[in-house]
Amino acid sequence: MTDICVLGDSISKGIVFDDLKERYAVLNDNFISLLQREFGTKIKNFASFGATITKGLRIFEERYSSIKSHKYTLIEFGGNDCNFNWEQISVMPNAEHLAKTPLSEFKATYEDIIEKTMYAGSRPILLTLPPLERNRFFEWVSRDLNKDNIMKYMGGSTIFIERWHSSYNEMILELADEYGIQVFDIRKPFLELGDYSNYICIDGMHPNAAGHKLIAKYLREELAALE
């Protein structure tokens, strides 16, 4: 396994919520660093905390000369794109609210990154989204806000969050199929557990240390099979 770079958000960056320090921090044993040690190779990580697919495109353009020198480019976006402005929702639950990156824009920008990666001579491999722990996520995004109004916007159930997040994941799978490119389904090992709550941070979004080990374990075989 050689010549790999990564475009992504905080998940690929290795960000977790540190319960003791009560803030976000980079996990030393994140799945990228675990895989680097496993294979004894360098993975160039361009992931950025809070990145949407739009920021990902900017990073791609800034790092183009480096990306084109790598045989494979892992691409992981969607978790920030599908998020909402929960403060606005808590004030105006009956209004229409758009995700940070509407799904159609997410698709178009993702296509742009895929095509530019292929044009650069690097092989894009898409990563799916680790699942949310929907109840924790609700409690996290609604803290210090009007929970009742947010729940009203969601139609009375946190299932709304799960389904909305899943729609972006489904788009990633559709894009992989559309372009005939490989997808590493890092969502799968979480779902196979049934109850994966012990693998997700208190914010309901980010995989914790156990979650990163789970992702690394899944990717180990996928990466080993690359030519």
C-alpha atoms as a PDB file:
ATOM      1  CA  MET A   1       0.000   0.000   0.000  1.00  0.00           C
ATOM      2  CA  THR A   2       1.689   3.192  -1.167  1.00  0.00           C
ATOM      3  CA  ASP A   3       0.993   6.609  -2.608  1.00  0.00           C
ATOM      4  CA  ILE A   4      -2.204   7.515  -0.758  1.00  0.00           C
ATOM      5  CA  CYS A   5      -3.547  10.941   0.130  1.00  0.00           C
ATOM      6  CA  VAL A   6      -6.765  11.899   1.900  1.00  0.00           C
ATOM      7  CA  LEU A   7      -9.293  14.677   1.368  1.00  0.00           C
ATOM      8  CA  GLY A   8     -11.875  14.917   4.109  1.00  0.00           C
ATOM      9  CA  ASP A   9     -13.350  16.514   7.191  1.00  0.00           C
ATOM     10  CA  SER A  10     -12.800  16.079  10.923  1.00  0.00           C
ATOM     11  CA  ILE A  11     -13.395  12.324  10.825  1.00  0.00           C
ATOM     12  CA  SER A  12     -10.379  11.771   8.563  1.00  0.00           C
ATOM     13  CA  LYS A  13      -8.511  14.444  10.512  1.00  0.00           C
ATOM     14  CA  GLY A  14      -8.934  12.278  13.608  1.00  0.00           C
ATOM     15  CA  ILE A  15     -10.948  14.763  15.650  1.00  0.00           C
ATOM     16  CA  VAL A  16     -12.720  13.446  18.747  1.00  0.00           C
ATOM     17  CA  PHE A  17     -14.418  15.132  21.692  1.00  0.00           C
ATOM     18  CA  ASP A  18     -12.139  14.875  24.700  1.00  0.00           C
ATOM     19  CA  ASP A  19     -14.489  14.322  27.647  1.00  0.00           C
ATOM     20  CA  LEU A  20     -11.851  15.220  30.239  1.00  0.00           C
ATOM     21  CA  LYS A  21     -10.766  18.475  28.596  1.00  0.00           C
ATOM     22  CA  GLU A  22     -14.315  19.135  27.329  1.00  0.00           C
ATOM     23  CA  ARG A  23     -13.130  20.186  23.899  1.00  0.00           C
ATOM     24  CA  TYR A  24     -12.337  18.751  20.487  1.00  0.00           C
ATOM     25  CA  ALA A  25      -8.848  17.395  19.970  1.00  0.00           C
ATOM     26  CA  VAL A  26      -6.888  15.300  17.493  1.00  0.00           C
ATOM     27  CA  LEU A  27      -6.768  11.649  18.520  1.00  0.00           C
ATOM     28  CA  ASN A  28      -3.204  10.389  18.186  1.00  0.00           C
ATOM     29  CA  ASP A  29      -4.397   6.885  17.380  1.00  0.00           C
ATOM     30  CA  ASN A  30      -6.861   7.948  14.698  1.00  0.00           C
ATOM     31  CA  PHE A  31      -7.597   5.565  11.856  1.00  0.00           C
ATOM     32  CA  ILE A  32      -5.160   7.240   9.464  1.00  0.00           C
ATOM     33  CA  SER A  33      -2.250   7.082  11.911  1.00  0.00           C
ATOM     34  CA  LEU A  34      -3.163   3.500  12.872  1.00  0.00           C
ATOM     35  CA  LEU A  35      -3.047   2.475   9.218  1.00  0.00           C
ATOM     36  CA  GLN A  36       0.227   4.285   8.646  1.00  0.00           C
ATOM     37  CA  ARG A  37       1.833   2.315  11.464  1.00  0.00           C
ATOM     38  CA  GLU A  38       0.217  -0.907  10.289  1.00  0.00           C
ATOM     39  CA  PHE A  39       1.576  -0.608   6.761  1.00  0.00           C
ATOM     40  CA  GLY A  40       4.743   1.321   7.543  1.00  0.00           C
ATOM     41  CA  THR A  41       3.932   3.961   4.965  1.00  0.00           C
ATOM     42  CA  LYS A  42       3.076   7.655   4.852  1.00  0.00           C
ATOM     43  CA  ILE A  43      -0.488   8.716   4.080  1.00  0.00           C
ATOM     44  CA  LYS A  44      -0.667  12.390   3.138  1.00  0.00           C
ATOM     45  CA  ASN A  45      -3.645  13.764   5.043  1.00  0.00           C
ATOM     46  CA  PHE A  46      -5.275  16.947   3.738  1.00  0.00           C
ATOM     47  CA  ALA A  47      -8.399  16.534   5.897  1.00  0.00           C
ATOM     48  CA  SER A  48      -9.664  19.667   7.631  1.00  0.00           C
ATOM     49  CA  PHE A  49     -11.821  20.126  10.727  1.00  0.00           C
ATOM     50  CA  GLY A  50     -15.299  21.376   9.791  1.00  0.00           C
ATOM     51  CA  ALA A  51     -14.731  20.966   6.054  1.00  0.00           C
ATOM     52  CA  THR A  52     -17.651  20.727   3.673  1.00  0.00           C
ATOM     53  CA  ILE A  53     -17.369  19.394   0.130  1.00  0.00           C
ATOM     54  CA  THR A  54     -16.988  23.015  -1.049  1.00  0.00           C
ATOM     55  CA  LYS A  55     -13.978  23.571   1.177  1.00  0.00           C
ATOM     56  CA  GLY A  56     -12.728  20.184   0.033  1.00  0.00           C
ATOM     57  CA  LEU A  57     -12.705  21.417  -3.551  1.00  0.00           C
ATOM     58  CA  ARG A  58     -10.671  24.468  -2.520  1.00  0.00           C
ATOM     59  CA  ILE A  59      -8.201  22.250  -0.676  1.00  0.00           C
ATOM     60  CA  PHE A  60      -7.973  20.011  -3.733  1.00  0.00           C
ATOM     61  CA  GLU A  61      -7.113  22.979  -5.933  1.00  0.00           C
ATOM     62  CA  GLU A  62      -4.542  24.259  -3.426  1.00  0.00           C
ATOM     63  CA  ARG A  63      -2.933  20.814  -3.113  1.00  0.00           C
ATOM     64  CA  TYR A  64      -3.295  19.754  -6.733  1.00  0.00           C
ATOM     65  CA  SER A  65       0.422  19.293  -7.388  1.00  0.00           C
ATOM     66  CA  SER A  66       0.708  16.955  -4.412  1.00  0.00           C
ATOM     67  CA  ILE A  67      -2.518  15.060  -5.079  1.00  0.00           C
ATOM     68  CA  LYS A  68      -1.563  14.273  -8.664  1.00  0.00           C
ATOM     69  CA  SER A  69       1.616  12.609  -7.398  1.00  0.00           C
ATOM     70  CA  HIS A  70      -0.403  10.080  -5.370  1.00  0.00           C
ATOM     71  CA  LYS A  71      -1.804   6.917  -6.916  1.00  0.00           C
ATOM     72  CA  TYR A  72      -4.927   6.946  -4.711  1.00  0.00           C
ATOM     73  CA  THR A  73      -7.021   9.723  -3.188  1.00  0.00           C
ATOM     74  CA  LEU A  74      -9.435   8.806  -0.407  1.00  0.00           C
ATOM     75  CA  ILE A  75     -12.359  11.244  -0.296  1.00  0.00           C
ATOM     76  CA  GLU A  76     -14.561  11.615   2.800  1.00  0.00           C
ATOM     77  CA  PHE A  77     -17.156  14.382   3.036  1.00  0.00           C
ATOM     78  CA  GLY A  78     -20.808  14.771   3.960  1.00  0.00           C
ATOM     79  CA  GLY A  79     -21.071  14.983   7.730  1.00  0.00           C
ATOM     80  CA  ASN A  80     -20.767  18.774   7.810  1.00  0.00           C
ATOM     81  CA  ASP A  81     -22.583  19.263   4.518  1.00  0.00           C
ATOM     82  CA  CYS A  82     -25.814  17.722   5.780  1.00  0.00           C
ATOM     83  CA  ASN A  83     -25.846  19.721   9.009  1.00  0.00           C
ATOM     84  CA  PHE A  84     -28.258  22.579   9.687  1.00  0.00           C
ATOM     85  CA  ASN A  85     -28.134  25.916  11.472  1.00  0.00           C
ATOM     86  CA  TRP A  86     -29.830  24.590  14.591  1.00  0.00           C
ATOM     87  CA  GLU A  87     -29.932  27.998  16.260  1.00  0.00           C
ATOM     88  CA  GLN A  88     -32.077  29.363  13.429  1.00  0.00           C
ATOM     89  CA  ILE A  89     -34.286  26.279  13.547  1.00  0.00           C
ATOM     90  CA  SER A  90     -34.769  26.701  17.299  1.00  0.00           C
ATOM     91  CA  VAL A  91     -36.079  30.223  16.705  1.00  0.00           C
ATOM     92  CA  MET A  92     -38.104  29.567  13.531  1.00  0.00           C
ATOM     93  CA  PRO A  93     -39.163  25.907  13.529  1.00  0.00           C
ATOM     94  CA  ASN A  94     -41.920  26.463  10.978  1.00  0.00           C
ATOM     95  CA  ALA A  95     -39.653  28.089   8.385  1.00  0.00           C
ATOM     96  CA  GLU A  96     -37.830  26.323   5.570  1.00  0.00           C
ATOM     97  CA  HIS A  97     -34.200  25.592   6.390  1.00  0.00           C
ATOM     98  CA  LEU A  98     -31.462  24.402   4.068  1.00  0.00           C
ATOM     99  CA  ALA A  99     -28.580  22.165   4.999  1.00  0.00           C
ATOM    100  CA  LYS A 100     -25.120  23.710   4.970  1.00  0.00           C
ATOM    101  CA  THR A 101     -24.676  22.136   1.532  1.00  0.00           C
ATOM    102  CA  PRO A 102     -27.982  21.190  -0.143  1.00  0.00           C
ATOM    103  CA  LEU A 103     -27.928  17.665  -1.560  1.00  0.00           C
ATOM    104  CA  SER A 104     -27.944  18.784  -5.216  1.00  0.00           C
ATOM    105  CA  GLU A 105     -24.972  21.080  -4.590  1.00  0.00           C
ATOM    106  CA  PHE A 106     -23.223  18.322  -2.640  1.00  0.00           C
ATOM    107  CA  LYS A 107     -23.610  15.993  -5.620  1.00  0.00           C
ATOM    108  CA  ALA A 108     -22.386  18.538  -8.169  1.00  0.00           C
ATOM    109  CA  THR A 109     -19.332  19.565  -6.144  1.00  0.00           C
ATOM    110  CA  TYR A 110     -18.466  15.964  -5.310  1.00  0.00           C
ATOM    111  CA  GLU A 111     -18.632  15.144  -9.029  1.00  0.00           C
ATOM    112  CA  ASP A 112     -16.244  18.023  -9.679  1.00  0.00           C
ATOM    113  CA  ILE A 113     -13.727  16.662  -7.170  1.00  0.00           C
ATOM    114  CA  ILE A 114     -14.030  13.124  -8.540  1.00  0.00           C
ATOM    115  CA  GLU A 115     -13.497  14.254 -12.130  1.00  0.00           C
ATOM    116  CA  LYS A 116     -10.584  16.525 -11.253  1.00  0.00           C
ATOM    117  CA  THR A 117      -8.955  13.761  -9.228  1.00  0.00           C
ATOM    118  CA  MET A 118      -9.251  11.386 -12.173  1.00  0.00           C
ATOM    119  CA  TYR A 119      -7.916  14.050 -14.550  1.00  0.00           C
ATOM    120  CA  ALA A 120      -4.944  14.543 -12.212  1.00  0.00           C
ATOM    121  CA  GLY A 121      -4.111  10.876 -12.658  1.00  0.00           C
ATOM    122  CA  SER A 122      -4.985   9.840  -9.119  1.00  0.00           C
ATOM    123  CA  ARG A 123      -7.584   7.161  -8.460  1.00  0.00           C
ATOM    124  CA  PRO A 124     -10.460   8.444  -6.274  1.00  0.00           C
ATOM    125  CA  ILE A 125     -11.861   6.126  -3.608  1.00  0.00           C
ATOM    126  CA  LEU A 126     -14.951   7.342  -1.760  1.00  0.00           C
ATOM    127  CA  LEU A 127     -15.570   6.787   1.937  1.00  0.00           C
ATOM    128  CA  THR A 128     -19.085   6.476   3.312  1.00  0.00           C
ATOM    129  CA  LEU A 129     -20.200   8.277   6.468  1.00  0.00           C
ATOM    130  CA  PRO A 130     -19.982   6.698   9.914  1.00  0.00           C
ATOM    131  CA  PRO A 131     -23.528   6.686  11.327  1.00  0.00           C
ATOM    132  CA  LEU A 132     -24.798   9.248  13.791  1.00  0.00           C
ATOM    133  CA  GLU A 133     -25.959   8.334  17.275  1.00  0.00           C
ATOM    134  CA  ARG A 134     -29.134  10.316  16.712  1.00  0.00           C
ATOM    135  CA  ASN A 135     -30.247  10.912  20.296  1.00  0.00           C
ATOM    136  CA  ARG A 136     -26.834  12.109  21.412  1.00  0.00           C
ATOM    137  CA  PHE A 137     -26.612  14.272  18.308  1.00  0.00           C
ATOM    138  CA  PHE A 138     -29.972  15.884  19.120  1.00  0.00           C
ATOM    139  CA  GLU A 139     -28.928  16.618  22.693  1.00  0.00           C
ATOM    140  CA  TRP A 140     -25.635  18.053  21.449  1.00  0.00           C
ATOM    141  CA  VAL A 141     -26.940  20.399  18.769  1.00  0.00           C
ATOM    142  CA  SER A 142     -29.888  21.558  20.882  1.00  0.00           C
ATOM    143  CA  ARG A 143     -27.938  22.379  24.032  1.00  0.00           C
ATOM    144  CA  ASP A 144     -28.698  25.930  25.217  1.00  0.00           C
ATOM    145  CA  LEU A 145     -31.387  26.149  22.504  1.00  0.00           C
ATOM    146  CA  ASN A 146     -35.141  25.585  22.386  1.00  0.00           C
ATOM    147  CA  LYS A 147     -35.274  21.791  22.255  1.00  0.00           C
ATOM    148  CA  ASP A 148     -39.032  21.712  21.767  1.00  0.00           C
ATOM    149  CA  ASN A 149     -38.822  23.866  18.642  1.00  0.00           C
ATOM    150  CA  ILE A 150     -36.005  21.776  17.197  1.00  0.00           C
ATOM    151  CA  MET A 151     -37.959  18.601  17.873  1.00  0.00           C
ATOM    152  CA  LYS A 152     -40.988  20.210  16.242  1.00  0.00           C
ATOM    153  CA  TYR A 153     -38.955  20.918  13.092  1.00  0.00           C
ATOM    154  CA  MET A 154     -37.843  17.296  13.059  1.00  0.00           C
ATOM    155  CA  GLY A 155     -41.422  16.101  13.097  1.00  0.00           C
ATOM    156  CA  GLY A 156     -41.317  14.898  16.675  1.00  0.00           C
ATOM    157  CA  SER A 157     -38.582  12.292  16.320  1.00  0.00           C
ATOM    158  CA  THR A 158     -34.802  12.141  16.104  1.00  0.00           C
ATOM    159  CA  ILE A 159     -35.259   9.603  13.308  1.00  0.00           C
ATOM    160  CA  PHE A 160     -35.357  12.709  11.079  1.00  0.00           C
ATOM    161  CA  ILE A 161     -31.653  13.255  11.781  1.00  0.00           C
ATOM    162  CA  GLU A 162     -30.773   9.679  10.954  1.00  0.00           C
ATOM    163  CA  ARG A 163     -32.693   9.668   7.680  1.00  0.00           C
ATOM    164  CA  TRP A 164     -31.340  13.044   6.580  1.00  0.00           C
ATOM    165  CA  HIS A 165     -27.764  12.015   7.288  1.00  0.00           C
ATOM    166  CA  SER A 166     -28.365   8.731   5.447  1.00  0.00           C
ATOM    167  CA  SER A 167     -29.526  10.592   2.330  1.00  0.00           C
ATOM    168  CA  TYR A 168     -26.033  12.077   1.949  1.00  0.00           C
ATOM    169  CA  ASN A 169     -24.503   8.673   2.499  1.00  0.00           C
ATOM    170  CA  GLU A 170     -26.731   7.238  -0.220  1.00  0.00           C
ATOM    171  CA  MET A 171     -25.563   9.989  -2.564  1.00  0.00           C
ATOM    172  CA  ILE A 172     -21.948   8.932  -1.983  1.00  0.00           C
ATOM    173  CA  LEU A 173     -22.845   5.367  -2.961  1.00  0.00           C
ATOM    174  CA  GLU A 174     -24.683   6.637  -6.048  1.00  0.00           C
ATOM    175  CA  LEU A 175     -21.657   8.696  -7.097  1.00  0.00           C
ATOM    176  CA  ALA A 176     -19.359   5.697  -6.759  1.00  0.00           C
ATOM    177  CA  ASP A 177     -21.729   3.711  -8.947  1.00  0.00           C
ATOM    178  CA  GLU A 178     -22.106   6.572 -11.443  1.00  0.00           C
ATOM    179  CA  TYR A 179     -18.347   6.829 -11.978  1.00  0.00           C
ATOM    180  CA  GLY A 180     -17.597   3.140 -11.555  1.00  0.00           C
ATOM    181  CA  ILE A 181     -15.117   3.858  -8.791  1.00  0.00           C
ATOM    182  CA  GLN A 182     -14.320   2.101  -5.560  1.00  0.00           C
ATOM    183  CA  VAL A 183     -16.041   2.915  -2.274  1.00  0.00           C
ATOM    184  CA  PHE A 184     -14.796   1.981   1.183  1.00  0.00           C
ATOM    185  CA  ASP A 185     -17.937   1.519   3.257  1.00  0.00           C
ATOM    186  CA  ILE A 186     -16.669   2.562   6.690  1.00  0.00           C
ATOM    187  CA  ARG A 187     -20.306   2.880   7.802  1.00  0.00           C
ATOM    188  CA  LYS A 188     -20.744  -0.888   7.499  1.00  0.00           C
ATOM    189  CA  PRO A 189     -18.721  -2.090  10.529  1.00  0.00           C
ATOM    190  CA  PHE A 190     -20.679   0.250  12.807  1.00  0.00           C
ATOM    191  CA  LEU A 191     -24.062  -0.928  11.564  1.00  0.00           C
ATOM    192  CA  GLU A 192     -22.993  -4.555  11.841  1.00  0.00           C
ATOM    193  CA  LEU A 193     -22.563  -4.034  15.581  1.00  0.00           C
ATOM    194  CA  GLY A 194     -26.246  -3.213  15.999  1.00  0.00           C
ATOM    195  CA  ASP A 195     -25.693  -0.986  19.019  1.00  0.00           C
ATOM    196  CA  TYR A 196     -22.659   1.102  18.068  1.00  0.00           C
ATOM    197  CA  SER A 197     -23.156   3.784  20.730  1.00  0.00           C
ATOM    198  CA  ASN A 198     -19.907   2.856  22.504  1.00  0.00           C
ATOM    199  CA  TYR A 199     -18.014   3.762  19.333  1.00  0.00           C
ATOM    200  CA  ILE A 200     -19.335   7.330  18.972  1.00  0.00           C
ATOM    201  CA  CYS A 201     -18.413  10.470  20.934  1.00  0.00           C
ATOM    202  CA  ILE A 202     -20.805  12.301  23.238  1.00  0.00           C
ATOM    203  CA  ASP A 203     -21.631  14.687  20.366  1.00  0.00           C
ATOM    204  CA  GLY A 204     -23.254  11.826  18.455  1.00  0.00           C
ATOM    205  CA  MET A 205     -21.188  12.644  15.357  1.00  0.00           C
ATOM    206  CA  HIS A 206     -17.546  11.725  15.681  1.00  0.00           C
ATOM    207  CA  PRO A 207     -16.226   8.192  16.098  1.00  0.00           C
ATOM    208  CA  ASN A 208     -14.329   7.908  19.386  1.00  0.00           C
ATOM    209  CA  ALA A 209     -11.061   6.021  19.936  1.00  0.00           C
ATOM    210  CA  ALA A 210     -12.861   2.676  19.691  1.00  0.00           C
ATOM    211  CA  GLY A 211     -14.609   3.905  16.545  1.00  0.00           C
ATOM    212  CA  HIS A 212     -11.310   4.814  14.915  1.00  0.00           C
ATOM    213  CA  LYS A 213      -9.935   1.369  15.706  1.00  0.00           C
ATOM    214  CA  LEU A 214     -13.052  -0.127  14.128  1.00  0.00           C
ATOM    215  CA  ILE A 215     -12.563   1.934  10.950  1.00  0.00           C
ATOM    216  CA  ALA A 216      -8.864   1.042  10.805  1.00  0.00           C
ATOM    217  CA  LYS A 217      -9.668  -2.648  11.184  1.00  0.00           C
ATOM    218  CA  TYR A 218     -12.147  -2.466   8.297  1.00  0.00           C
ATOM    219  CA  LEU A 219      -9.815  -0.468   6.047  1.00  0.00           C
ATOM    220  CA  ARG A 220      -6.844  -2.712   6.715  1.00  0.00           C
ATOM    221  CA  GLU A 221      -8.106  -5.382   4.325  1.00  0.00           C
ATOM    222  CA  GLU A 222      -9.420  -2.869   1.794  1.00  0.00           C
ATOM    223  CA  LEU A 223      -6.102  -1.054   1.552  1.00  0.00           C
ATOM    224  CA  ALA A 224      -4.058  -4.241   1.519  1.00  0.00           C
ATOM    225  CA  ALA A 225      -5.949  -5.303  -1.595  1.00  0.00           C
ATOM    226  CA  LEU A 226      -5.002  -2.160  -3.526  1.00  0.00           C
ATOM    227  CA  GLU A 227      -2.540  -2.699  -6.346  1.00  0.00           C
END
